[in-house]
Amino acid sequence: MIGCGIKKIRGPTVCSKIWSLPATQRIHVSFNKHEQPDGPNVSNCTNFLGTIARNGRMAPLTYIDWKALPKPCKDDMWIAIREKFDVNHGNKDWVFKSIGKKWKDWKFELKHNRYKIHNTNEERLKDLDIRVVPKQWSILVSYWNSLEGKEQCKTGKDNRALQRLNHTAGSKSFAQICREKVDWQEVRWGGAIQN
């Protein structure tokens, strides 16, 4: 029978072309006056930051909170980012806020897809994503089983239930949408527009 079989799906983003860039070549990312990226290379940059957030050697999953990650880990991340992208120190806050969000989302994805679907710790520990450092996975599973982990989960659920407005613009940030609108108006009306 034609068309039967396993459905092809897109794998995880690995940014292999960016990781393999020569040391002399860096990708420029433009930022607006609010230090938010808004140029054509934003997607490349944010995808790359996601690969860093999911790299257990750079961003270990064993910390409860992003703010608890040691400074040497963050320094190594900044060095890796500066090797591939033309960003300056003024952009560092946005970069780390973005990585922190992606790191938190990664932990959520693991909990949702690898932890909650199982009833026993033995099953959970066996269901290890290949991108996760095994020792970190066992520590994370232990934390999620702890009273502290369960209380944090409940607090997070309660806070999420209070949110009324969700970001519905897809993968584009509001800064990118604003930049595109300004660019379109400049083309249409033939001049610079103040934003």
N, C-alpha and C. Protein backbone atom coordinates (compact mmCIF):
# COMPACT_ATOMS: atom_id res chain seq x y z
N MET A 1 0.84 -1.18 0.00
CA MET A 1 0.00 0.00 0.00
C MET A 1 0.89 1.25 0.00
N ILE A 2 0.67 2.16 -0.89
CA ILE A 2 1.49 3.37 -1.02
C ILE A 2 1.08 4.39 0.04
N GLY A 3 2.08 5.05 0.61
CA GLY A 3 1.80 6.10 1.58
C GLY A 3 1.70 5.62 3.01
N CYS A 4 1.76 4.32 3.22
CA CYS A 4 1.70 3.80 4.59
C CYS A 4 3.10 3.78 5.19
N GLY A 5 3.15 3.77 6.45
CA GLY A 5 4.45 3.71 7.12
C GLY A 5 4.58 4.80 8.14
N ILE A 6 5.79 5.02 8.55
CA ILE A 6 6.04 6.01 9.59
C ILE A 6 6.02 7.41 8.99
N LYS A 7 5.30 8.29 9.65
CA LYS A 7 5.21 9.66 9.20
C LYS A 7 6.53 10.38 9.47
N LYS A 8 7.03 11.08 8.47
CA LYS A 8 8.27 11.84 8.64
C LYS A 8 7.96 13.11 9.43
N ILE A 9 8.79 13.36 10.42
CA ILE A 9 8.65 14.59 11.18
C ILE A 9 9.98 15.32 11.20
N ARG A 10 9.91 16.61 11.44
CA ARG A 10 11.11 17.41 11.51
C ARG A 10 11.80 17.13 12.84
N GLY A 11 13.06 16.92 12.81
CA GLY A 11 13.82 16.65 14.03
C GLY A 11 14.12 17.92 14.80
N PRO A 12 14.85 17.79 15.88
CA PRO A 12 15.18 18.97 16.68
C PRO A 12 16.13 19.91 15.93
N THR A 13 16.02 21.18 16.23
CA THR A 13 16.91 22.17 15.64
C THR A 13 18.31 21.99 16.21
N VAL A 14 19.29 21.84 15.33
CA VAL A 14 20.67 21.66 15.80
C VAL A 14 21.61 22.77 15.31
N CYS A 15 21.19 23.55 14.34
CA CYS A 15 21.99 24.67 13.82
C CYS A 15 23.39 24.25 13.42
N SER A 16 23.51 23.13 12.73
CA SER A 16 24.84 22.61 12.37
C SER A 16 25.62 23.58 11.48
N LYS A 17 24.93 24.31 10.60
CA LYS A 17 25.64 25.27 9.74
C LYS A 17 26.25 26.41 10.55
N ILE A 18 25.53 26.83 11.57
CA ILE A 18 26.05 27.93 12.40
C ILE A 18 27.20 27.44 13.28
N TRP A 19 27.02 26.27 13.89
CA TRP A 19 28.09 25.72 14.74
C TRP A 19 29.37 25.48 13.94
N SER A 20 29.24 25.20 12.64
CA SER A 20 30.43 24.89 11.83
C SER A 20 30.99 26.11 11.09
N LEU A 21 30.48 27.31 11.38
CA LEU A 21 31.02 28.51 10.75
C LEU A 21 32.50 28.68 11.11
N PRO A 22 33.31 29.16 10.16
CA PRO A 22 34.71 29.42 10.49
C PRO A 22 34.83 30.54 11.53
N ALA A 23 35.91 30.54 12.26
CA ALA A 23 36.11 31.52 13.34
C ALA A 23 36.11 32.96 12.84
N THR A 24 36.42 33.16 11.58
CA THR A 24 36.50 34.51 11.03
C THR A 24 35.14 35.04 10.58
N GLN A 25 34.14 34.21 10.56
CA GLN A 25 32.82 34.61 10.06
C GLN A 25 31.80 34.64 11.19
N ARG A 26 31.20 35.83 11.38
CA ARG A 26 30.15 35.97 12.39
C ARG A 26 28.91 36.55 11.73
N ILE A 27 27.75 36.14 12.20
CA ILE A 27 26.47 36.59 11.65
C ILE A 27 26.05 37.86 12.39
N HIS A 28 25.73 38.91 11.63
CA HIS A 28 25.30 40.17 12.25
C HIS A 28 23.82 40.09 12.64
N VAL A 29 23.53 40.53 13.85
CA VAL A 29 22.14 40.61 14.32
C VAL A 29 21.91 42.06 14.72
N SER A 30 20.90 42.69 14.11
CA SER A 30 20.60 44.08 14.45
C SER A 30 19.60 44.13 15.60
N PHE A 31 19.72 45.17 16.41
CA PHE A 31 18.86 45.37 17.57
C PHE A 31 18.22 46.75 17.49
N ASN A 32 16.99 46.87 17.99
CA ASN A 32 16.31 48.16 18.00
C ASN A 32 16.72 48.98 19.22
N LYS A 33 16.10 50.13 19.41
CA LYS A 33 16.48 51.02 20.52
C LYS A 33 16.16 50.43 21.89
N HIS A 34 15.34 49.38 21.93
CA HIS A 34 15.00 48.71 23.19
C HIS A 34 15.87 47.48 23.42
N GLU A 35 16.93 47.36 22.62
CA GLU A 35 17.86 46.22 22.71
C GLU A 35 17.18 44.88 22.42
N GLN A 36 16.19 44.91 21.51
CA GLN A 36 15.53 43.69 21.06
C GLN A 36 15.97 43.42 19.62
N PRO A 37 16.27 42.18 19.28
CA PRO A 37 16.70 41.88 17.91
C PRO A 37 15.52 42.04 16.95
N ASP A 38 15.78 42.66 15.80
CA ASP A 38 14.68 42.89 14.88
C ASP A 38 15.07 42.76 13.40
N GLY A 39 16.22 42.27 13.11
CA GLY A 39 16.68 42.17 11.72
C GLY A 39 16.42 40.81 11.10
N PRO A 40 16.97 40.61 9.91
CA PRO A 40 16.72 39.37 9.15
C PRO A 40 17.37 38.12 9.75
N ASN A 41 18.36 38.26 10.62
CA ASN A 41 19.04 37.09 11.18
C ASN A 41 18.56 36.70 12.57
N VAL A 42 17.43 37.26 12.99
CA VAL A 42 16.91 36.97 14.33
C VAL A 42 16.59 35.50 14.50
N SER A 43 15.97 34.89 13.50
CA SER A 43 15.59 33.47 13.61
C SER A 43 16.82 32.59 13.78
N ASN A 44 17.87 32.87 13.01
CA ASN A 44 19.11 32.11 13.16
C ASN A 44 19.66 32.23 14.57
N CYS A 45 19.64 33.45 15.09
CA CYS A 45 20.18 33.70 16.42
C CYS A 45 19.34 33.00 17.49
N THR A 46 18.03 33.14 17.44
CA THR A 46 17.18 32.53 18.47
C THR A 46 17.23 31.00 18.40
N ASN A 47 17.30 30.45 17.20
CA ASN A 47 17.44 29.00 17.08
C ASN A 47 18.76 28.53 17.69
N PHE A 48 19.82 29.28 17.44
CA PHE A 48 21.13 28.95 18.00
C PHE A 48 21.09 29.01 19.53
N LEU A 49 20.44 30.03 20.07
CA LEU A 49 20.32 30.14 21.52
C LEU A 49 19.56 28.94 22.10
N GLY A 50 18.59 28.44 21.33
CA GLY A 50 17.87 27.24 21.76
C GLY A 50 18.77 26.02 21.83
N THR A 51 19.72 25.91 20.90
CA THR A 51 20.65 24.77 20.95
C THR A 51 21.55 24.86 22.18
N ILE A 52 21.88 26.07 22.57
CA ILE A 52 22.69 26.25 23.78
C ILE A 52 21.87 25.87 25.01
N ALA A 53 20.61 26.30 25.05
CA ALA A 53 19.74 26.01 26.19
C ALA A 53 19.52 24.51 26.36
N ARG A 54 19.54 23.75 25.26
CA ARG A 54 19.32 22.31 25.33
C ARG A 54 20.62 21.51 25.45
N ASN A 55 21.74 22.21 25.54
CA ASN A 55 23.04 21.56 25.68
C ASN A 55 23.35 21.40 27.16
N GLY A 56 23.25 20.19 27.67
CA GLY A 56 23.44 19.93 29.09
C GLY A 56 24.83 20.22 29.61
N ARG A 57 25.80 20.29 28.73
CA ARG A 57 27.14 20.63 29.17
C ARG A 57 27.30 22.14 29.34
N MET A 58 26.55 22.91 28.57
CA MET A 58 26.60 24.37 28.71
C MET A 58 25.56 24.87 29.70
N ALA A 59 24.36 24.30 29.63
CA ALA A 59 23.24 24.73 30.49
C ALA A 59 22.69 23.51 31.23
N PRO A 60 23.34 23.10 32.30
CA PRO A 60 22.92 21.89 33.02
C PRO A 60 21.48 21.98 33.53
N LEU A 61 20.78 20.86 33.47
CA LEU A 61 19.39 20.79 33.91
C LEU A 61 19.26 20.57 35.42
N THR A 62 20.36 20.48 36.11
CA THR A 62 20.33 20.13 37.53
C THR A 62 20.01 21.32 38.44
N TYR A 63 19.89 22.50 37.88
CA TYR A 63 19.57 23.68 38.68
C TYR A 63 18.07 23.92 38.64
N ILE A 64 17.51 24.30 39.79
CA ILE A 64 16.06 24.49 39.89
C ILE A 64 15.63 25.71 39.09
N ASP A 65 16.46 26.74 39.13
CA ASP A 65 16.10 28.02 38.53
C ASP A 65 17.24 28.50 37.64
N TRP A 66 16.89 29.18 36.56
CA TRP A 66 17.90 29.71 35.63
C TRP A 66 18.88 30.63 36.34
N LYS A 67 18.38 31.43 37.28
CA LYS A 67 19.24 32.38 37.99
C LYS A 67 20.30 31.68 38.83
N ALA A 68 20.07 30.42 39.17
CA ALA A 68 21.02 29.67 40.00
C ALA A 68 22.19 29.10 39.19
N LEU A 69 22.09 29.16 37.87
CA LEU A 69 23.18 28.65 37.03
C LEU A 69 24.46 29.42 37.34
N PRO A 70 25.58 28.74 37.53
CA PRO A 70 26.83 29.43 37.89
C PRO A 70 27.33 30.37 36.79
N LYS A 71 28.01 31.41 37.19
CA LYS A 71 28.56 32.40 36.26
C LYS A 71 29.49 31.77 35.22
N PRO A 72 30.36 30.80 35.58
CA PRO A 72 31.22 30.20 34.55
C PRO A 72 30.42 29.54 33.41
N CYS A 73 29.27 28.95 33.71
CA CYS A 73 28.43 28.37 32.65
C CYS A 73 27.95 29.46 31.71
N LYS A 74 27.48 30.55 32.29
CA LYS A 74 26.96 31.66 31.47
C LYS A 74 28.09 32.33 30.69
N ASP A 75 29.27 32.41 31.28
CA ASP A 75 30.42 32.98 30.56
C ASP A 75 30.77 32.13 29.34
N ASP A 76 30.73 30.81 29.49
CA ASP A 76 31.00 29.91 28.36
C ASP A 76 29.96 30.08 27.26
N MET A 77 28.69 30.26 27.66
CA MET A 77 27.63 30.48 26.67
C MET A 77 27.89 31.76 25.90
N TRP A 78 28.23 32.82 26.63
CA TRP A 78 28.47 34.12 26.00
C TRP A 78 29.62 34.04 25.00
N ILE A 79 30.67 33.31 25.36
CA ILE A 79 31.81 33.14 24.45
C ILE A 79 31.36 32.41 23.18
N ALA A 80 30.57 31.35 23.33
CA ALA A 80 30.08 30.59 22.16
C ALA A 80 29.20 31.47 21.27
N ILE A 81 28.38 32.30 21.87
CA ILE A 81 27.49 33.18 21.10
C ILE A 81 28.30 34.23 20.36
N ARG A 82 29.27 34.83 21.05
CA ARG A 82 30.11 35.86 20.43
C ARG A 82 30.99 35.31 19.31
N GLU A 83 31.30 34.03 19.35
CA GLU A 83 32.08 33.41 18.27
C GLU A 83 31.27 33.29 16.99
N LYS A 84 29.96 33.17 17.11
CA LYS A 84 29.10 32.93 15.95
C LYS A 84 28.29 34.14 15.51
N PHE A 85 28.02 35.06 16.45
CA PHE A 85 27.16 36.21 16.15
C PHE A 85 27.82 37.52 16.54
N ASP A 86 27.53 38.54 15.74
CA ASP A 86 28.04 39.88 15.99
C ASP A 86 27.05 40.58 16.94
N VAL A 87 27.21 40.33 18.22
CA VAL A 87 26.39 40.97 19.25
C VAL A 87 27.34 41.62 20.25
N ASN A 88 26.87 42.69 20.90
CA ASN A 88 27.75 43.37 21.85
C ASN A 88 27.24 43.21 23.28
N HIS A 89 28.00 43.76 24.20
CA HIS A 89 27.67 43.60 25.62
C HIS A 89 26.29 44.17 25.97
N GLY A 90 25.86 45.20 25.25
CA GLY A 90 24.54 45.79 25.48
C GLY A 90 23.40 44.84 25.17
N ASN A 91 23.67 43.81 24.38
CA ASN A 91 22.64 42.84 24.02
C ASN A 91 22.62 41.63 24.96
N LYS A 92 23.52 41.61 25.91
CA LYS A 92 23.70 40.43 26.77
C LYS A 92 22.44 40.11 27.59
N ASP A 93 21.76 41.14 28.10
CA ASP A 93 20.55 40.90 28.90
C ASP A 93 19.50 40.16 28.08
N TRP A 94 19.26 40.65 26.85
CA TRP A 94 18.27 39.98 26.01
C TRP A 94 18.69 38.55 25.70
N VAL A 95 19.97 38.36 25.37
CA VAL A 95 20.48 37.03 25.03
C VAL A 95 20.22 36.05 26.17
N PHE A 96 20.57 36.44 27.39
CA PHE A 96 20.41 35.52 28.51
C PHE A 96 18.96 35.35 28.94
N LYS A 97 18.15 36.37 28.74
CA LYS A 97 16.72 36.22 29.01
C LYS A 97 16.12 35.20 28.03
N SER A 98 16.56 35.28 26.78
CA SER A 98 16.09 34.35 25.76
C SER A 98 16.54 32.92 26.04
N ILE A 99 17.81 32.74 26.38
CA ILE A 99 18.31 31.39 26.70
C ILE A 99 17.59 30.85 27.93
N GLY A 100 17.40 31.70 28.94
CA GLY A 100 16.70 31.26 30.15
C GLY A 100 15.30 30.77 29.87
N LYS A 101 14.59 31.48 28.99
CA LYS A 101 13.23 31.06 28.62
C LYS A 101 13.27 29.73 27.87
N LYS A 102 14.21 29.59 26.97
CA LYS A 102 14.33 28.34 26.20
C LYS A 102 14.75 27.17 27.10
N TRP A 103 15.60 27.43 28.07
CA TRP A 103 16.03 26.41 29.03
C TRP A 103 14.84 25.93 29.86
N LYS A 104 14.04 26.89 30.30
CA LYS A 104 12.84 26.56 31.08
C LYS A 104 11.85 25.77 30.22
N ASP A 105 11.66 26.19 28.98
CA ASP A 105 10.77 25.47 28.05
C ASP A 105 11.27 24.05 27.79
N TRP A 106 12.58 23.88 27.71
CA TRP A 106 13.19 22.57 27.48
C TRP A 106 12.88 21.64 28.66
N LYS A 107 13.01 22.17 29.87
CA LYS A 107 12.68 21.37 31.05
C LYS A 107 11.20 20.99 31.05
N PHE A 108 10.34 21.93 30.65
CA PHE A 108 8.90 21.64 30.56
C PHE A 108 8.64 20.53 29.54
N GLU A 109 9.29 20.65 28.38
CA GLU A 109 9.11 19.64 27.33
C GLU A 109 9.52 18.25 27.82
N LEU A 110 10.63 18.19 28.51
CA LEU A 110 11.09 16.90 29.05
C LEU A 110 10.10 16.36 30.07
N LYS A 111 9.62 17.23 30.93
CA LYS A 111 8.68 16.77 31.96
C LYS A 111 7.39 16.28 31.32
N HIS A 112 6.91 17.01 30.34
CA HIS A 112 5.65 16.67 29.69
C HIS A 112 5.76 15.39 28.85
N ASN A 113 6.86 15.26 28.09
CA ASN A 113 6.98 14.15 27.13
C ASN A 113 7.73 12.93 27.66
N ARG A 114 8.50 13.08 28.72
CA ARG A 114 9.34 11.97 29.19
C ARG A 114 9.08 11.58 30.65
N TYR A 115 8.43 12.43 31.40
CA TYR A 115 8.23 12.17 32.82
C TYR A 115 6.76 11.85 33.14
N LYS A 116 5.88 12.77 32.76
CA LYS A 116 4.47 12.63 33.14
C LYS A 116 3.77 11.43 32.50
N ILE A 117 4.26 10.96 31.38
CA ILE A 117 3.58 9.87 30.68
C ILE A 117 3.82 8.52 31.34
N HIS A 118 4.74 8.46 32.29
CA HIS A 118 5.07 7.20 32.97
C HIS A 118 4.57 7.22 34.41
N ASN A 119 4.34 6.03 34.95
CA ASN A 119 3.85 5.91 36.32
C ASN A 119 4.94 5.60 37.33
N THR A 120 6.04 5.02 36.88
CA THR A 120 7.10 4.64 37.82
C THR A 120 8.40 5.35 37.46
N ASN A 121 9.24 5.51 38.48
CA ASN A 121 10.55 6.14 38.25
C ASN A 121 11.42 5.31 37.33
N GLU A 122 11.29 4.01 37.41
CA GLU A 122 12.08 3.13 36.55
C GLU A 122 11.78 3.42 35.08
N GLU A 123 10.49 3.55 34.75
CA GLU A 123 10.10 3.86 33.37
C GLU A 123 10.61 5.25 32.97
N ARG A 124 10.49 6.20 33.88
CA ARG A 124 10.92 7.57 33.60
C ARG A 124 12.42 7.64 33.33
N LEU A 125 13.19 6.95 34.14
CA LEU A 125 14.64 6.98 33.98
C LEU A 125 15.10 6.30 32.69
N LYS A 126 14.34 5.31 32.24
CA LYS A 126 14.67 4.63 30.98
C LYS A 126 14.33 5.49 29.77
N ASP A 127 13.32 6.34 29.90
CA ASP A 127 12.86 7.17 28.78
C ASP A 127 13.70 8.45 28.70
N LEU A 128 14.97 8.26 28.41
CA LEU A 128 15.93 9.36 28.39
C LEU A 128 16.07 9.91 26.97
N ASP A 129 15.85 11.20 26.82
CA ASP A 129 16.07 11.87 25.54
C ASP A 129 17.57 11.84 25.26
N ILE A 130 17.95 11.55 24.02
CA ILE A 130 19.37 11.41 23.69
C ILE A 130 20.15 12.72 23.87
N ARG A 131 19.44 13.84 23.93
CA ARG A 131 20.11 15.14 24.08
C ARG A 131 20.40 15.48 25.55
N VAL A 132 19.92 14.64 26.47
CA VAL A 132 20.07 14.92 27.90
C VAL A 132 21.22 14.11 28.49
N VAL A 133 22.01 14.74 29.32
CA VAL A 133 23.09 14.05 30.03
C VAL A 133 22.44 13.10 31.05
N PRO A 134 22.75 11.78 30.99
CA PRO A 134 22.06 10.80 31.86
C PRO A 134 22.07 11.15 33.35
N LYS A 135 23.18 11.59 33.88
CA LYS A 135 23.27 11.94 35.31
C LYS A 135 22.31 13.10 35.63
N GLN A 136 22.21 14.06 34.72
CA GLN A 136 21.31 15.19 34.93
C GLN A 136 19.85 14.73 34.92
N TRP A 137 19.54 13.76 34.07
CA TRP A 137 18.17 13.26 33.98
C TRP A 137 17.75 12.61 35.30
N SER A 138 18.61 11.81 35.88
CA SER A 138 18.25 11.15 37.14
C SER A 138 18.07 12.18 38.26
N ILE A 139 18.88 13.23 38.28
CA ILE A 139 18.73 14.29 39.28
C ILE A 139 17.42 15.04 39.07
N LEU A 140 17.10 15.32 37.81
CA LEU A 140 15.87 16.03 37.48
C LEU A 140 14.64 15.22 37.87
N VAL A 141 14.64 13.93 37.57
CA VAL A 141 13.52 13.05 37.93
C VAL A 141 13.36 13.01 39.45
N SER A 142 14.46 12.92 40.18
CA SER A 142 14.40 12.93 41.65
C SER A 142 13.81 14.23 42.17
N TYR A 143 14.20 15.35 41.55
CA TYR A 143 13.66 16.64 41.99
C TYR A 143 12.15 16.71 41.73
N TRP A 144 11.72 16.30 40.54
CA TRP A 144 10.29 16.35 40.22
C TRP A 144 9.47 15.45 41.15
N ASN A 145 10.09 14.40 41.67
CA ASN A 145 9.40 13.51 42.61
C ASN A 145 9.37 14.06 44.03
N SER A 146 10.23 15.02 44.33
CA SER A 146 10.34 15.54 45.69
C SER A 146 9.14 16.43 46.03
N LEU A 147 8.93 16.65 47.31
CA LEU A 147 7.86 17.52 47.78
C LEU A 147 8.07 18.95 47.26
N GLU A 148 9.31 19.42 47.31
CA GLU A 148 9.63 20.76 46.81
C GLU A 148 9.29 20.89 45.32
N GLY A 149 9.63 19.88 44.54
CA GLY A 149 9.34 19.89 43.11
C GLY A 149 7.85 19.89 42.83
N LYS A 150 7.10 19.13 43.61
CA LYS A 150 5.64 19.07 43.42
C LYS A 150 4.98 20.39 43.82
N GLU A 151 5.50 21.03 44.88
CA GLU A 151 4.96 22.33 45.29
C GLU A 151 5.25 23.39 44.23
N GLN A 152 6.46 23.36 43.67
CA GLN A 152 6.80 24.32 42.63
C GLN A 152 5.91 24.11 41.40
N CYS A 153 5.64 22.87 41.07
CA CYS A 153 4.77 22.55 39.94
C CYS A 153 3.37 23.12 40.16
N LYS A 154 2.84 22.95 41.36
CA LYS A 154 1.50 23.46 41.67
C LYS A 154 1.47 24.99 41.58
N THR A 155 2.50 25.64 42.12
CA THR A 155 2.58 27.10 42.06
C THR A 155 2.63 27.57 40.60
N GLY A 156 3.43 26.89 39.79
CA GLY A 156 3.52 27.23 38.37
C GLY A 156 2.20 27.07 37.64
N LYS A 157 1.48 25.99 37.93
CA LYS A 157 0.17 25.77 37.31
C LYS A 157 -0.81 26.87 37.70
N ASP A 158 -0.82 27.22 39.00
CA ASP A 158 -1.72 28.27 39.48
C ASP A 158 -1.41 29.61 38.81
N ASN A 159 -0.14 29.95 38.70
CA ASN A 159 0.25 31.21 38.06
C ASN A 159 -0.09 31.21 36.58
N ARG A 160 0.10 30.09 35.92
CA ARG A 160 -0.22 30.00 34.48
C ARG A 160 -1.71 30.18 34.25
N ALA A 161 -2.52 29.67 35.17
CA ALA A 161 -3.98 29.79 35.04
C ALA A 161 -4.43 31.25 35.13
N LEU A 162 -3.63 32.10 35.76
CA LEU A 162 -3.97 33.52 35.90
C LEU A 162 -3.70 34.31 34.62
N GLN A 163 -2.87 33.79 33.73
CA GLN A 163 -2.56 34.51 32.49
C GLN A 163 -3.76 34.51 31.56
N ARG A 164 -4.06 35.68 31.04
CA ARG A 164 -5.21 35.81 30.14
C ARG A 164 -4.80 36.05 28.69
N LEU A 165 -3.67 36.69 28.49
CA LEU A 165 -3.24 37.03 27.13
C LEU A 165 -2.05 36.17 26.73
N ASN A 166 -2.15 35.53 25.59
CA ASN A 166 -1.06 34.71 25.08
C ASN A 166 -0.47 35.35 23.83
N HIS A 167 0.80 35.08 23.59
CA HIS A 167 1.47 35.55 22.37
C HIS A 167 0.94 34.73 21.21
N THR A 168 0.31 35.41 20.25
CA THR A 168 -0.31 34.69 19.13
C THR A 168 0.28 35.09 17.78
N ALA A 169 1.48 35.65 17.80
CA ALA A 169 2.09 36.12 16.56
C ALA A 169 3.01 35.08 15.93
N GLY A 170 2.96 33.87 16.41
CA GLY A 170 3.82 32.83 15.85
C GLY A 170 5.23 32.96 16.36
N SER A 171 6.19 32.61 15.51
CA SER A 171 7.59 32.61 15.95
C SER A 171 8.23 33.99 15.88
N LYS A 172 7.54 34.97 15.32
CA LYS A 172 8.10 36.32 15.23
C LYS A 172 7.85 37.08 16.53
N SER A 173 8.87 37.82 16.95
CA SER A 173 8.71 38.67 18.13
C SER A 173 7.99 39.95 17.71
N PHE A 174 7.47 40.67 18.69
CA PHE A 174 6.80 41.93 18.38
C PHE A 174 7.79 42.93 17.79
N ALA A 175 9.05 42.86 18.19
CA ALA A 175 10.08 43.74 17.63
C ALA A 175 10.25 43.48 16.13
N GLN A 176 10.24 42.21 15.73
CA GLN A 176 10.36 41.87 14.30
C GLN A 176 9.14 42.37 13.53
N ILE A 177 7.96 42.19 14.09
CA ILE A 177 6.73 42.63 13.43
C ILE A 177 6.75 44.14 13.26
N CYS A 178 7.16 44.86 14.30
CA CYS A 178 7.25 46.32 14.24
C CYS A 178 8.24 46.75 13.17
N ARG A 179 9.40 46.10 13.11
CA ARG A 179 10.43 46.43 12.11
C ARG A 179 9.89 46.22 10.70
N GLU A 180 9.20 45.10 10.48
CA GLU A 180 8.65 44.82 9.15
C GLU A 180 7.60 45.86 8.76
N LYS A 181 6.80 46.29 9.73
CA LYS A 181 5.77 47.29 9.44
C LYS A 181 6.41 48.62 9.07
N VAL A 182 7.45 49.02 9.81
CA VAL A 182 8.15 50.26 9.50
C VAL A 182 8.81 50.17 8.13
N ASP A 183 9.47 49.05 7.84
CA ASP A 183 10.11 48.86 6.53
C ASP A 183 9.08 48.93 5.41
N TRP A 184 7.92 48.31 5.62
CA TRP A 184 6.87 48.32 4.60
C TRP A 184 6.35 49.73 4.38
N GLN A 185 6.18 50.50 5.47
CA GLN A 185 5.69 51.87 5.34
C GLN A 185 6.71 52.76 4.63
N GLU A 186 8.00 52.52 4.89
CA GLU A 186 9.04 53.29 4.20
C GLU A 186 9.00 53.04 2.70
N VAL A 187 8.80 51.78 2.32
CA VAL A 187 8.72 51.44 0.90
C VAL A 187 7.46 52.06 0.29
N ARG A 188 6.36 51.95 1.00
CA ARG A 188 5.08 52.43 0.47
C ARG A 188 5.04 53.95 0.36
N TRP A 189 5.50 54.64 1.40
CA TRP A 189 5.39 56.09 1.42
C TRP A 189 6.68 56.80 1.03
N GLY A 190 7.75 56.05 0.83
CA GLY A 190 8.98 56.62 0.32
C GLY A 190 9.74 57.52 1.28
N GLY A 191 9.86 57.12 2.50
CA GLY A 191 10.64 57.92 3.45
C GLY A 191 10.72 57.25 4.79
N ALA A 192 11.61 57.76 5.60
CA ALA A 192 11.78 57.18 6.95
C ALA A 192 10.63 57.60 7.85
N ILE A 193 10.19 56.68 8.65
CA ILE A 193 9.11 56.94 9.60
C ILE A 193 9.67 56.73 11.00
N GLN A 194 9.38 57.64 11.89
CA GLN A 194 9.86 57.51 13.28
C GLN A 194 9.00 56.51 14.02
N ASN A 195 9.65 55.59 14.77
CA ASN A 195 8.86 54.64 15.58
C ASN A 195 9.18 54.81 17.03
